[in-house]
């Protein structure tokens, strides 16, 4: 499910004719809108892969610096 940035809100002094078509197309595509439970599910699905990538990157950094083990553990 692709995530896109939300369009900027028009200024209070903007005319309705200038922003009318853009607002109509945004309102007709609810597929780009996520509710709270969908965001939570996405965050849970991304947590494991992202944490695995971060741990691998930290491990590579320790290997480059010559310290194979993290001294804090």
C-alpha atoms as a PDB file:
ATOM      1  CA  UNK A   1       0.000   0.000   0.000  1.00  0.00           C
ATOM      2  CA  UNK A   2       1.818   3.159  -1.163  1.00  0.00           C
ATOM      3  CA  UNK A   3       1.875   6.099   1.214  1.00  0.00           C
ATOM      4  CA  UNK A   4       1.791   9.597  -0.212  1.00  0.00           C
ATOM      5  CA  UNK A   5       2.242  12.974   1.413  1.00  0.00           C
ATOM      6  CA  UNK A   6      -0.897  14.873   2.287  1.00  0.00           C
ATOM      7  CA  UNK A   7      -1.616  17.880   0.070  1.00  0.00           C
ATOM      8  CA  UNK A   8      -1.062  21.319   1.558  1.00  0.00           C
ATOM      9  CA  UNK A   9      -4.141  23.023   2.927  1.00  0.00           C
ATOM     10  CA  UNK A  10      -5.198  26.126   0.970  1.00  0.00           C
ATOM     11  CA  UNK A  11      -4.857  29.522   2.624  1.00  0.00           C
ATOM     12  CA  UNK A  12      -7.971  31.134   4.114  1.00  0.00           C
ATOM     13  CA  UNK A  13      -8.038  33.765   1.350  1.00  0.00           C
ATOM     14  CA  UNK A  14      -7.839  31.263  -1.537  1.00  0.00           C
ATOM     15  CA  UNK A  15     -10.769  31.048  -3.901  1.00  0.00           C
ATOM     16  CA  UNK A  16     -12.794  27.849  -4.112  1.00  0.00           C
ATOM     17  CA  UNK A  17     -12.461  27.673  -7.908  1.00  0.00           C
ATOM     18  CA  UNK A  18      -8.682  27.420  -7.748  1.00  0.00           C
ATOM     19  CA  UNK A  19      -8.679  24.527  -5.270  1.00  0.00           C
ATOM     20  CA  UNK A  20     -11.919  22.805  -6.258  1.00  0.00           C
ATOM     21  CA  UNK A  21     -10.638  20.076  -8.617  1.00  0.00           C
ATOM     22  CA  UNK A  22      -7.712  19.098  -6.378  1.00  0.00           C
ATOM     23  CA  UNK A  23      -9.986  18.735  -3.340  1.00  0.00           C
ATOM     24  CA  UNK A  24     -12.443  16.621  -5.304  1.00  0.00           C
ATOM     25  CA  UNK A  25      -9.764  14.163  -6.436  1.00  0.00           C
ATOM     26  CA  UNK A  26      -8.360  13.839  -2.898  1.00  0.00           C
ATOM     27  CA  UNK A  27     -11.791  13.154  -1.425  1.00  0.00           C
ATOM     28  CA  UNK A  28     -12.532  10.456  -3.995  1.00  0.00           C
ATOM     29  CA  UNK A  29      -9.419   8.376  -3.210  1.00  0.00           C
ATOM     30  CA  UNK A  30      -9.766   7.018   0.332  1.00  0.00           C
ATOM     31  CA  UNK A  31      -7.205   4.287  -0.443  1.00  0.00           C
ATOM     32  CA  UNK A  32      -4.378   6.667   0.527  1.00  0.00           C
ATOM     33  CA  UNK A  33      -5.877   7.379   3.947  1.00  0.00           C
ATOM     34  CA  UNK A  34      -4.867   5.160   6.886  1.00  0.00           C
ATOM     35  CA  UNK A  35      -6.737   4.899  10.147  1.00  0.00           C
ATOM     36  CA  UNK A  36      -5.120   4.284  13.539  1.00  0.00           C
ATOM     37  CA  UNK A  37      -5.329   0.496  13.500  1.00  0.00           C
ATOM     38  CA  UNK A  38      -3.815   0.282  10.019  1.00  0.00           C
ATOM     39  CA  UNK A  39      -0.917   2.502  11.114  1.00  0.00           C
ATOM     40  CA  UNK A  40      -0.371   0.291  14.181  1.00  0.00           C
ATOM     41  CA  UNK A  41      -0.371  -2.840  11.996  1.00  0.00           C
ATOM     42  CA  UNK A  42       2.094  -1.263   9.564  1.00  0.00           C
ATOM     43  CA  UNK A  43       4.381  -0.222  12.430  1.00  0.00           C
ATOM     44  CA  UNK A  44       4.314  -3.752  13.886  1.00  0.00           C
ATOM     45  CA  UNK A  45       5.111  -5.291  10.494  1.00  0.00           C
ATOM     46  CA  UNK A  46       8.031  -2.889   9.934  1.00  0.00           C
ATOM     47  CA  UNK A  47       9.548  -3.186  13.411  1.00  0.00           C
ATOM     48  CA  UNK A  48      11.346  -6.529  12.905  1.00  0.00           C
ATOM     49  CA  UNK A  49      12.888  -5.806   9.476  1.00  0.00           C
ATOM     50  CA  UNK A  50      14.026  -2.309  10.451  1.00  0.00           C
ATOM     51  CA  UNK A  51      15.505  -3.427  13.765  1.00  0.00           C
ATOM     52  CA  UNK A  52      17.326  -6.266  11.964  1.00  0.00           C
ATOM     53  CA  UNK A  53      18.832  -3.744   9.516  1.00  0.00           C
ATOM     54  CA  UNK A  54      19.894  -1.416  12.326  1.00  0.00           C
ATOM     55  CA  UNK A  55      21.547  -4.257  14.279  1.00  0.00           C
ATOM     56  CA  UNK A  56      23.405  -5.393  11.144  1.00  0.00           C
ATOM     57  CA  UNK A  57      24.607  -1.846  10.499  1.00  0.00           C
ATOM     58  CA  UNK A  58      25.840  -1.481  14.078  1.00  0.00           C
ATOM     59  CA  UNK A  59      27.606  -4.845  13.800  1.00  0.00           C
ATOM     60  CA  UNK A  60      29.340  -3.766  10.586  1.00  0.00           C
ATOM     61  CA  UNK A  61      30.462  -0.557  12.260  1.00  0.00           C
ATOM     62  CA  UNK A  62      31.975  -2.497  15.163  1.00  0.00           C
ATOM     63  CA  UNK A  63      33.729  -4.849  12.741  1.00  0.00           C
ATOM     64  CA  UNK A  64      35.177  -1.888  10.826  1.00  0.00           C
ATOM     65  CA  UNK A  65      36.507  -0.331  14.012  1.00  0.00           C
ATOM     66  CA  UNK A  66      38.033  -3.638  15.137  1.00  0.00           C
ATOM     67  CA  UNK A  67      35.668  -4.280  18.053  1.00  0.00           C
ATOM     68  CA  UNK A  68      33.721  -7.434  17.328  1.00  0.00           C
ATOM     69  CA  UNK A  69      31.674  -7.301  20.539  1.00  0.00           C
ATOM     70  CA  UNK A  70      29.699  -4.508  22.093  1.00  0.00           C
ATOM     71  CA  UNK A  71      31.480  -3.670  25.365  1.00  0.00           C
ATOM     72  CA  UNK A  72      28.301  -2.617  27.153  1.00  0.00           C
ATOM     73  CA  UNK A  73      26.798  -6.103  27.287  1.00  0.00           C
END
